[in-house]
């Protein structure tokens, strides 16, 4: 497993409070090019999820985006991921009944 060479706090309007960037070298040489990975806090992921689910007129695309957000940004063992996944399934079921 590669180790990050730096952890940077993000600031400004584009980043949610507490988000971080981990910087990894692309190879074992001294190449200055770096690969950037942005990690979101659970609070930020939940806010993004709530924003997607806020509207009453949810489409299948909206549900797919929410599901992708949970899969991409939260670890499989995360209690928040489990809770939001169950909520998403219930909302999908309600939408199909309407």
PDB file of N, CA and C in Angstrom:
ATOM      1  N   UNK A   1       0.840  -1.177   0.000  1.00  0.00           N
ATOM      2  CA  UNK A   1       0.000   0.000   0.000  1.00  0.00           C
ATOM      3  C   UNK A   1       0.884   1.239   0.000  1.00  0.00           C
ATOM      4  N   UNK A   2       0.551   2.177  -0.875  1.00  0.00           N
ATOM      5  CA  UNK A   2       1.312   3.417  -0.932  1.00  0.00           C
ATOM      6  C   UNK A   2       0.947   4.304   0.240  1.00  0.00           C
ATOM      7  N   UNK A   3       1.893   5.091   0.695  1.00  0.00           N
ATOM      8  CA  UNK A   3       1.643   6.022   1.787  1.00  0.00           C
ATOM      9  C   UNK A   3       1.614   7.440   1.239  1.00  0.00           C
ATOM     10  N   UNK A   4       0.746   8.281   1.805  1.00  0.00           N
ATOM     11  CA  UNK A   4       0.719   9.669   1.348  1.00  0.00           C
ATOM     12  C   UNK A   4       1.998  10.383   1.736  1.00  0.00           C
ATOM     13  N   UNK A   5       2.405  11.341   0.902  1.00  0.00           N
ATOM     14  CA  UNK A   5       3.587  12.117   1.241  1.00  0.00           C
ATOM     15  C   UNK A   5       3.200  13.419   1.926  1.00  0.00           C
ATOM     16  N   UNK A   6       1.915  13.791   1.895  1.00  0.00           N
ATOM     17  CA  UNK A   6       1.455  14.993   2.582  1.00  0.00           C
ATOM     18  C   UNK A   6      -0.046  14.927   2.779  1.00  0.00           C
ATOM     19  N   UNK A   7      -0.518  15.515   3.845  1.00  0.00           N
ATOM     20  CA  UNK A   7      -1.945  15.674   4.089  1.00  0.00           C
ATOM     21  C   UNK A   7      -2.191  17.166   4.176  1.00  0.00           C
ATOM     22  N   UNK A   8      -3.066  17.673   3.321  1.00  0.00           N
ATOM     23  CA  UNK A   8      -3.327  19.108   3.248  1.00  0.00           C
ATOM     24  C   UNK A   8      -4.768  19.386   3.616  1.00  0.00           C
ATOM     25  N   UNK A   9      -5.001  20.383   4.435  1.00  0.00           N
ATOM     26  CA  UNK A   9      -6.363  20.826   4.738  1.00  0.00           C
ATOM     27  C   UNK A   9      -6.832  21.711   3.591  1.00  0.00           C
ATOM     28  N   UNK A  10      -8.050  21.490   3.124  1.00  0.00           N
ATOM     29  CA  UNK A  10      -8.617  22.310   2.063  1.00  0.00           C
ATOM     30  C   UNK A  10      -9.284  23.523   2.676  1.00  0.00           C
ATOM     31  N   UNK A  11      -9.262  24.613   1.974  1.00  0.00           N
ATOM     32  CA  UNK A  11      -9.918  25.812   2.458  1.00  0.00           C
ATOM     33  C   UNK A  11     -10.698  26.468   1.346  1.00  0.00           C
ATOM     34  N   UNK A  12     -11.402  27.527   1.667  1.00  0.00           N
ATOM     35  CA  UNK A  12     -12.150  28.263   0.657  1.00  0.00           C
ATOM     36  C   UNK A  12     -13.550  27.725   0.474  1.00  0.00           C
ATOM     37  N   UNK A  13     -14.290  28.392  -0.389  1.00  0.00           N
ATOM     38  CA  UNK A  13     -15.704  28.057  -0.594  1.00  0.00           C
ATOM     39  C   UNK A  13     -15.890  26.715  -1.289  1.00  0.00           C
ATOM     40  N   UNK A  14     -14.913  26.263  -2.046  1.00  0.00           N
ATOM     41  CA  UNK A  14     -15.067  25.021  -2.808  1.00  0.00           C
ATOM     42  C   UNK A  14     -14.971  23.790  -1.923  1.00  0.00           C
ATOM     43  N   UNK A  15     -14.379  23.914  -0.742  1.00  0.00           N
ATOM     44  CA  UNK A  15     -14.181  22.754   0.123  1.00  0.00           C
ATOM     45  C   UNK A  15     -15.045  22.878   1.367  1.00  0.00           C
ATOM     46  N   UNK A  16     -15.611  21.748   1.772  1.00  0.00           N
ATOM     47  CA  UNK A  16     -16.370  21.737   3.014  1.00  0.00           C
ATOM     48  C   UNK A  16     -15.393  21.737   4.183  1.00  0.00           C
ATOM     49  N   UNK A  17     -15.829  22.221   5.302  1.00  0.00           N
ATOM     50  CA  UNK A  17     -14.973  22.306   6.486  1.00  0.00           C
ATOM     51  C   UNK A  17     -14.468  20.914   6.866  1.00  0.00           C
ATOM     52  N   UNK A  18     -13.172  20.774   6.996  1.00  0.00           N
ATOM     53  CA  UNK A  18     -12.583  19.514   7.434  1.00  0.00           C
ATOM     54  C   UNK A  18     -12.194  18.570   6.316  1.00  0.00           C
ATOM     55  N   UNK A  19     -12.472  18.893   5.052  1.00  0.00           N
ATOM     56  CA  UNK A  19     -12.053  18.029   3.958  1.00  0.00           C
ATOM     57  C   UNK A  19     -10.533  18.054   3.862  1.00  0.00           C
ATOM     58  N   UNK A  20      -9.970  16.950   3.380  1.00  0.00           N
ATOM     59  CA  UNK A  20      -8.520  16.846   3.287  1.00  0.00           C
ATOM     60  C   UNK A  20      -8.125  16.320   1.923  1.00  0.00           C
ATOM     61  N   UNK A  21      -6.893  16.588   1.538  1.00  0.00           N
ATOM     62  CA  UNK A  21      -6.305  15.992   0.342  1.00  0.00           C
ATOM     63  C   UNK A  21      -5.103  15.174   0.789  1.00  0.00           C
ATOM     64  N   UNK A  22      -4.984  13.972   0.266  1.00  0.00           N
ATOM     65  CA  UNK A  22      -3.795  13.154   0.481  1.00  0.00           C
ATOM     66  C   UNK A  22      -3.023  13.139  -0.824  1.00  0.00           C
ATOM     67  N   UNK A  23      -1.744  13.347  -0.750  1.00  0.00           N
ATOM     68  CA  UNK A  23      -0.910  13.378  -1.949  1.00  0.00           C
ATOM     69  C   UNK A  23      -0.042  12.128  -1.978  1.00  0.00           C
ATOM     70  N   UNK A  24      -0.090  11.403  -3.111  1.00  0.00           N
ATOM     71  CA  UNK A  24       0.681  10.186  -3.297  1.00  0.00           C
ATOM     72  C   UNK A  24       1.631  10.362  -4.484  1.00  0.00           C
ATOM     73  N   UNK A  25       2.851   9.843  -4.384  1.00  0.00           N
ATOM     74  CA  UNK A  25       3.719   9.869  -5.561  1.00  0.00           C
ATOM     75  C   UNK A  25       3.185   8.893  -6.609  1.00  0.00           C
ATOM     76  N   UNK A  26       3.344   9.228  -7.878  1.00  0.00           N
ATOM     77  CA  UNK A  26       2.891   8.344  -8.961  1.00  0.00           C
ATOM     78  C   UNK A  26       3.795   7.131  -9.126  1.00  0.00           C
ATOM     79  N   UNK A  27       5.044   7.247  -8.802  1.00  0.00           N
ATOM     80  CA  UNK A  27       5.960   6.120  -8.922  1.00  0.00           C
ATOM     81  C   UNK A  27       7.030   6.260  -7.847  1.00  0.00           C
ATOM     82  N   UNK A  28       7.971   5.319  -7.834  1.00  0.00           N
ATOM     83  CA  UNK A  28       9.023   5.336  -6.819  1.00  0.00           C
ATOM     84  C   UNK A  28      10.145   6.309  -7.142  1.00  0.00           C
ATOM     85  N   UNK A  29      10.129   6.891  -8.340  1.00  0.00           N
ATOM     86  CA  UNK A  29      11.201   7.824  -8.677  1.00  0.00           C
ATOM     87  C   UNK A  29      10.896   9.208  -8.098  1.00  0.00           C
ATOM     88  N   UNK A  30      11.696  10.172  -8.437  1.00  0.00           N
ATOM     89  CA  UNK A  30      11.542  11.518  -7.877  1.00  0.00           C
ATOM     90  C   UNK A  30      10.701  12.418  -8.777  1.00  0.00           C
ATOM     91  N   UNK A  31       9.822  11.841  -9.555  1.00  0.00           N
ATOM     92  CA  UNK A  31       8.953  12.597 -10.454  1.00  0.00           C
ATOM     93  C   UNK A  31       8.123  13.604  -9.662  1.00  0.00           C
ATOM     94  N   UNK A  32       8.085  14.867 -10.078  1.00  0.00           N
ATOM     95  CA  UNK A  32       7.328  15.870  -9.333  1.00  0.00           C
ATOM     96  C   UNK A  32       5.817  15.786  -9.537  1.00  0.00           C
ATOM     97  N   UNK A  33       5.358  15.006 -10.511  1.00  0.00           N
ATOM     98  CA  UNK A  33       3.909  14.880 -10.737  1.00  0.00           C
ATOM     99  C   UNK A  33       3.289  14.069  -9.607  1.00  0.00           C
ATOM    100  N   UNK A  34       2.177  14.552  -9.077  1.00  0.00           N
ATOM    101  CA  UNK A  34       1.515  13.888  -7.966  1.00  0.00           C
ATOM    102  C   UNK A  34       0.086  13.537  -8.342  1.00  0.00           C
ATOM    103  N   UNK A  35      -0.395  12.469  -7.755  1.00  0.00           N
ATOM    104  CA  UNK A  35      -1.779  12.043  -7.928  1.00  0.00           C
ATOM    105  C   UNK A  35      -2.576  12.600  -6.746  1.00  0.00           C
ATOM    106  N   UNK A  36      -3.690  13.218  -7.015  1.00  0.00           N
ATOM    107  CA  UNK A  36      -4.483  13.865  -5.977  1.00  0.00           C
ATOM    108  C   UNK A  36      -5.716  13.039  -5.639  1.00  0.00           C
ATOM    109  N   UNK A  37      -5.949  12.829  -4.349  1.00  0.00           N
ATOM    110  CA  UNK A  37      -7.137  12.140  -3.886  1.00  0.00           C
ATOM    111  C   UNK A  37      -7.808  13.044  -2.862  1.00  0.00           C
ATOM    112  N   UNK A  38      -9.077  13.347  -3.065  1.00  0.00           N
ATOM    113  CA  UNK A  38      -9.817  14.198  -2.133  1.00  0.00           C
ATOM    114  C   UNK A  38     -10.700  13.303  -1.276  1.00  0.00           C
ATOM    115  N   UNK A  39     -10.567  13.427   0.032  1.00  0.00           N
ATOM    116  CA  UNK A  39     -11.399  12.681   0.962  1.00  0.00           C
ATOM    117  C   UNK A  39     -12.434  13.621   1.560  1.00  0.00           C
ATOM    118  N   UNK A  40     -13.687  13.194   1.553  1.00  0.00           N
ATOM    119  CA  UNK A  40     -14.752  13.993   2.133  1.00  0.00           C
ATOM    120  C   UNK A  40     -15.053  13.486   3.535  1.00  0.00           C
ATOM    121  N   UNK A  41     -15.455  14.373   4.410  1.00  0.00           N
ATOM    122  CA  UNK A  41     -15.875  13.948   5.738  1.00  0.00           C
ATOM    123  C   UNK A  41     -17.247  13.295   5.636  1.00  0.00           C
ATOM    124  N   UNK A  42     -17.606  12.489   6.639  1.00  0.00           N
ATOM    125  CA  UNK A  42     -18.925  11.865   6.640  1.00  0.00           C
ATOM    126  C   UNK A  42     -20.019  12.931   6.663  1.00  0.00           C
ATOM    127  N   UNK A  43     -19.770  14.011   7.363  1.00  0.00           N
ATOM    128  CA  UNK A  43     -20.732  15.107   7.426  1.00  0.00           C
ATOM    129  C   UNK A  43     -20.986  15.691   6.036  1.00  0.00           C
ATOM    130  N   UNK A  44     -19.922  15.855   5.266  1.00  0.00           N
ATOM    131  CA  UNK A  44     -20.054  16.390   3.907  1.00  0.00           C
ATOM    132  C   UNK A  44     -20.826  15.422   3.018  1.00  0.00           C
ATOM    133  N   UNK A  45     -20.532  14.135   3.125  1.00  0.00           N
ATOM    134  CA  UNK A  45     -21.241  13.122   2.327  1.00  0.00           C
ATOM    135  C   UNK A  45     -22.720  13.123   2.683  1.00  0.00           C
ATOM    136  N   UNK A  46     -23.036  13.193   3.973  1.00  0.00           N
ATOM    137  CA  UNK A  46     -24.444  13.213   4.375  1.00  0.00           C
ATOM    138  C   UNK A  46     -25.152  14.465   3.853  1.00  0.00           C
ATOM    139  N   UNK A  47     -24.487  15.605   3.902  1.00  0.00           N
ATOM    140  CA  UNK A  47     -25.073  16.837   3.369  1.00  0.00           C
ATOM    141  C   UNK A  47     -25.339  16.732   1.871  1.00  0.00           C
ATOM    142  N   UNK A  48     -24.387  16.149   1.141  1.00  0.00           N
ATOM    143  CA  UNK A  48     -24.560  15.968  -0.300  1.00  0.00           C
ATOM    144  C   UNK A  48     -25.724  15.018  -0.584  1.00  0.00           C
ATOM    145  N   UNK A  49     -25.822  13.950   0.212  1.00  0.00           N
ATOM    146  CA  UNK A  49     -26.919  12.994   0.069  1.00  0.00           C
ATOM    147  C   UNK A  49     -28.260  13.684   0.312  1.00  0.00           C
ATOM    148  N   UNK A  50     -28.350  14.456   1.388  1.00  0.00           N
ATOM    149  CA  UNK A  50     -29.591  15.176   1.722  1.00  0.00           C
ATOM    150  C   UNK A  50     -29.972  16.157   0.615  1.00  0.00           C
ATOM    151  N   UNK A  51     -28.980  16.808   0.047  1.00  0.00           N
ATOM    152  CA  UNK A  51     -29.242  17.754  -1.046  1.00  0.00           C
ATOM    153  C   UNK A  51     -29.846  17.026  -2.255  1.00  0.00           C
ATOM    154  N   UNK A  52     -29.314  15.843  -2.569  1.00  0.00           N
ATOM    155  CA  UNK A  52     -29.854  15.058  -3.688  1.00  0.00           C
ATOM    156  C   UNK A  52     -31.289  14.599  -3.412  1.00  0.00           C
ATOM    157  N   UNK A  53     -31.580  14.245  -2.171  1.00  0.00           N
ATOM    158  CA  UNK A  53     -32.885  13.689  -1.830  1.00  0.00           C
ATOM    159  C   UNK A  53     -33.906  14.757  -1.437  1.00  0.00           C
ATOM    160  N   UNK A  54     -33.505  16.021  -1.462  1.00  0.00           N
ATOM    161  CA  UNK A  54     -34.369  17.110  -0.993  1.00  0.00           C
ATOM    162  C   UNK A  54     -35.626  17.292  -1.846  1.00  0.00           C
ATOM    163  N   UNK A  55     -35.537  17.099  -3.111  1.00  0.00           N
ATOM    164  CA  UNK A  55     -36.658  17.332  -4.013  1.00  0.00           C
ATOM    165  C   UNK A  55     -37.663  16.175  -3.965  1.00  0.00           C
ATOM    166  N   UNK A  56     -38.928  16.508  -4.150  1.00  0.00           N
ATOM    167  CA  UNK A  56     -39.982  15.481  -4.195  1.00  0.00           C
ATOM    168  C   UNK A  56     -39.981  14.743  -5.534  1.00  0.00           C
ATOM    169  N   UNK A  57     -39.500  15.392  -6.593  1.00  0.00           N
ATOM    170  CA  UNK A  57     -39.501  14.805  -7.932  1.00  0.00           C
ATOM    171  C   UNK A  57     -38.171  14.109  -8.209  1.00  0.00           C
ATOM    172  N   UNK A  58     -37.959  13.000  -7.535  1.00  0.00           N
ATOM    173  CA  UNK A  58     -36.703  12.252  -7.698  1.00  0.00           C
ATOM    174  C   UNK A  58     -36.808  11.312  -8.898  1.00  0.00           C
ATOM    175  N   UNK A  59     -35.764  11.309  -9.716  1.00  0.00           N
ATOM    176  CA  UNK A  59     -35.715  10.404 -10.860  1.00  0.00           C
ATOM    177  C   UNK A  59     -34.780   9.241 -10.545  1.00  0.00           C
ATOM    178  N   UNK A  60     -34.782   8.255 -11.411  1.00  0.00           N
ATOM    179  CA  UNK A  60     -33.867   7.123 -11.236  1.00  0.00           C
ATOM    180  C   UNK A  60     -32.417   7.601 -11.277  1.00  0.00           C
ATOM    181  N   UNK A  61     -32.159   8.622 -12.071  1.00  0.00           N
ATOM    182  CA  UNK A  61     -30.811   9.200 -12.150  1.00  0.00           C
ATOM    183  C   UNK A  61     -30.395   9.789 -10.795  1.00  0.00           C
ATOM    184  N   UNK A  62     -31.331  10.428 -10.107  1.00  0.00           N
ATOM    185  CA  UNK A  62     -31.045  10.991  -8.783  1.00  0.00           C
ATOM    186  C   UNK A  62     -30.695   9.880  -7.801  1.00  0.00           C
ATOM    187  N   UNK A  63     -31.474   8.805  -7.830  1.00  0.00           N
ATOM    188  CA  UNK A  63     -31.190   7.670  -6.942  1.00  0.00           C
ATOM    189  C   UNK A  63     -29.829   7.049  -7.271  1.00  0.00           C
ATOM    190  N   UNK A  64     -29.514   6.936  -8.550  1.00  0.00           N
ATOM    191  CA  UNK A  64     -28.228   6.378  -8.960  1.00  0.00           C
ATOM    192  C   UNK A  64     -27.068   7.251  -8.494  1.00  0.00           C
ATOM    193  N   UNK A  65     -27.220   8.578  -8.592  1.00  0.00           N
ATOM    194  CA  UNK A  65     -26.175   9.491  -8.129  1.00  0.00           C
ATOM    195  C   UNK A  65     -25.960   9.353  -6.624  1.00  0.00           C
ATOM    196  N   UNK A  66     -27.052   9.251  -5.879  1.00  0.00           N
ATOM    197  CA  UNK A  66     -26.951   9.102  -4.425  1.00  0.00           C
ATOM    198  C   UNK A  66     -26.270   7.786  -4.064  1.00  0.00           C
ATOM    199  N   UNK A  67     -26.637   6.720  -4.763  1.00  0.00           N
ATOM    200  CA  UNK A  67     -26.026   5.413  -4.506  1.00  0.00           C
ATOM    201  C   UNK A  67     -24.526   5.446  -4.819  1.00  0.00           C
ATOM    202  N   UNK A  68     -24.168   6.059  -5.927  1.00  0.00           N
ATOM    203  CA  UNK A  68     -22.760   6.185  -6.313  1.00  0.00           C
ATOM    204  C   UNK A  68     -21.980   7.007  -5.285  1.00  0.00           C
ATOM    205  N   UNK A  69     -22.586   8.071  -4.790  1.00  0.00           N
ATOM    206  CA  UNK A  69     -21.949   8.888  -3.760  1.00  0.00           C
ATOM    207  C   UNK A  69     -21.615   8.049  -2.535  1.00  0.00           C
ATOM    208  N   UNK A  70     -22.567   7.263  -2.072  1.00  0.00           N
ATOM    209  CA  UNK A  70     -22.346   6.435  -0.888  1.00  0.00           C
ATOM    210  C   UNK A  70     -21.271   5.378  -1.126  1.00  0.00           C
ATOM    211  N   UNK A  71     -21.309   4.745  -2.294  1.00  0.00           N
ATOM    212  CA  UNK A  71     -20.327   3.702  -2.604  1.00  0.00           C
ATOM    213  C   UNK A  71     -18.921   4.261  -2.773  1.00  0.00           C
ATOM    214  N   UNK A  72     -18.815   5.442  -3.385  1.00  0.00           N
ATOM    215  CA  UNK A  72     -17.505   6.016  -3.677  1.00  0.00           C
ATOM    216  C   UNK A  72     -16.862   6.706  -2.479  1.00  0.00           C
ATOM    217  N   UNK A  73     -17.671   7.297  -1.615  1.00  0.00           N
ATOM    218  CA  UNK A  73     -17.119   8.162  -0.578  1.00  0.00           C
ATOM    219  C   UNK A  73     -17.124   7.579   0.833  1.00  0.00           C
ATOM    220  N   UNK A  74     -17.876   6.499   1.063  1.00  0.00           N
ATOM    221  CA  UNK A  74     -17.927   5.914   2.400  1.00  0.00           C
ATOM    222  C   UNK A  74     -17.426   4.477   2.370  1.00  0.00           C
ATOM    223  N   UNK A  75     -16.712   4.106   3.408  1.00  0.00           N
ATOM    224  CA  UNK A  75     -16.203   2.728   3.504  1.00  0.00           C
ATOM    225  C   UNK A  75     -17.373   1.750   3.627  1.00  0.00           C
ATOM    226  N   UNK A  76     -17.217   0.534   3.140  1.00  0.00           N
ATOM    227  CA  UNK A  76     -18.309  -0.452   3.207  1.00  0.00           C
ATOM    228  C   UNK A  76     -18.779  -0.721   4.641  1.00  0.00           C
ATOM    229  N   UNK A  77     -17.891  -0.633   5.618  1.00  0.00           N
ATOM    230  CA  UNK A  77     -18.257  -0.929   7.008  1.00  0.00           C
ATOM    231  C   UNK A  77     -18.806   0.298   7.759  1.00  0.00           C
ATOM    232  N   UNK A  78     -18.925   1.426   7.085  1.00  0.00           N
ATOM    233  CA  UNK A  78     -19.384   2.661   7.720  1.00  0.00           C
ATOM    234  C   UNK A  78     -20.851   2.552   8.152  1.00  0.00           C
ATOM    235  N   UNK A  79     -21.151   2.847   9.427  1.00  0.00           N
ATOM    236  CA  UNK A  79     -22.552   2.864   9.871  1.00  0.00           C
ATOM    237  C   UNK A  79     -23.390   3.906   9.111  1.00  0.00           C
ATOM    238  N   UNK A  80     -22.773   5.028   8.769  1.00  0.00           N
ATOM    239  CA  UNK A  80     -23.490   6.048   7.999  1.00  0.00           C
ATOM    240  C   UNK A  80     -23.856   5.509   6.623  1.00  0.00           C
ATOM    241  N   UNK A  81     -22.932   4.802   5.983  1.00  0.00           N
ATOM    242  CA  UNK A  81     -23.223   4.221   4.667  1.00  0.00           C
ATOM    243  C   UNK A  81     -24.394   3.256   4.761  1.00  0.00           C
ATOM    244  N   UNK A  82     -24.396   2.427   5.785  1.00  0.00           N
ATOM    245  CA  UNK A  82     -25.484   1.459   5.951  1.00  0.00           C
ATOM    246  C   UNK A  82     -26.812   2.190   6.161  1.00  0.00           C
ATOM    247  N   UNK A  83     -26.827   3.182   7.040  1.00  0.00           N
ATOM    248  CA  UNK A  83     -28.053   3.918   7.350  1.00  0.00           C
ATOM    249  C   UNK A  83     -28.606   4.643   6.122  1.00  0.00           C
ATOM    250  N   UNK A  84     -27.722   5.315   5.380  1.00  0.00           N
ATOM    251  CA  UNK A  84     -28.176   6.057   4.199  1.00  0.00           C
ATOM    252  C   UNK A  84     -28.577   5.119   3.059  1.00  0.00           C
ATOM    253  N   UNK A  85     -27.934   3.968   2.961  1.00  0.00           N
ATOM    254  CA  UNK A  85     -28.307   2.987   1.937  1.00  0.00           C
ATOM    255  C   UNK A  85     -29.711   2.448   2.206  1.00  0.00           C
ATOM    256  N   UNK A  86     -30.011   2.150   3.473  1.00  0.00           N
ATOM    257  CA  UNK A  86     -31.357   1.685   3.834  1.00  0.00           C
ATOM    258  C   UNK A  86     -32.379   2.779   3.531  1.00  0.00           C
ATOM    259  N   UNK A  87     -32.051   4.008   3.877  1.00  0.00           N
ATOM    260  CA  UNK A  87     -32.951   5.139   3.596  1.00  0.00           C
ATOM    261  C   UNK A  87     -33.174   5.294   2.091  1.00  0.00           C
ATOM    262  N   UNK A  88     -32.105   5.156   1.322  1.00  0.00           N
ATOM    263  CA  UNK A  88     -32.208   5.269  -0.136  1.00  0.00           C
ATOM    264  C   UNK A  88     -33.118   4.181  -0.710  1.00  0.00           C
ATOM    265  N   UNK A  89     -32.970   2.951  -0.222  1.00  0.00           N
ATOM    266  CA  UNK A  89     -33.822   1.855  -0.688  1.00  0.00           C
ATOM    267  C   UNK A  89     -35.292   2.125  -0.372  1.00  0.00           C
ATOM    268  N   UNK A  90     -35.568   2.674   0.824  1.00  0.00           N
ATOM    269  CA  UNK A  90     -36.945   2.985   1.202  1.00  0.00           C
ATOM    270  C   UNK A  90     -37.520   4.096   0.314  1.00  0.00           C
ATOM    271  N   UNK A  91     -36.715   5.118   0.040  1.00  0.00           N
ATOM    272  CA  UNK A  91     -37.175   6.205  -0.826  1.00  0.00           C
ATOM    273  C   UNK A  91     -37.419   5.716  -2.249  1.00  0.00           C
ATOM    274  N   UNK A  92     -36.566   4.819  -2.733  1.00  0.00           N
ATOM    275  CA  UNK A  92     -36.758   4.230  -4.072  1.00  0.00           C
ATOM    276  C   UNK A  92     -38.059   3.454  -4.125  1.00  0.00           C
ATOM    277  N   UNK A  93     -38.319   2.683  -3.071  1.00  0.00           N
ATOM    278  CA  UNK A  93     -39.527   1.880  -3.030  1.00  0.00           C
ATOM    279  C   UNK A  93     -40.767   2.774  -3.014  1.00  0.00           C
ATOM    280  N   UNK A  94     -40.729   3.851  -2.235  1.00  0.00           N
ATOM    281  CA  UNK A  94     -41.845   4.793  -2.199  1.00  0.00           C
ATOM    282  C   UNK A  94     -42.063   5.459  -3.554  1.00  0.00           C
ATOM    283  N   UNK A  95     -40.983   5.775  -4.247  1.00  0.00           N
ATOM    284  CA  UNK A  95     -41.080   6.428  -5.559  1.00  0.00           C
ATOM    285  C   UNK A  95     -41.714   5.489  -6.586  1.00  0.00           C
ATOM    286  N   UNK A  96     -41.422   4.208  -6.512  1.00  0.00           N
ATOM    287  CA  UNK A  96     -42.002   3.270  -7.485  1.00  0.00           C
ATOM    288  C   UNK A  96     -43.480   3.015  -7.208  1.00  0.00           C
ATOM    289  N   UNK A  97     -43.915   3.169  -5.951  1.00  0.00           N
ATOM    290  CA  UNK A  97     -45.323   2.983  -5.598  1.00  0.00           C
ATOM    291  C   UNK A  97     -46.173   4.168  -6.055  1.00  0.00           C
ATOM    292  N   UNK A  98     -45.555   5.330  -6.208  1.00  0.00           N
ATOM    293  CA  UNK A  98     -46.308   6.541  -6.578  1.00  0.00           C
ATOM    294  C   UNK A  98     -46.662   6.558  -8.044  1.00  0.00           C
TER     295      UNK A  98
END
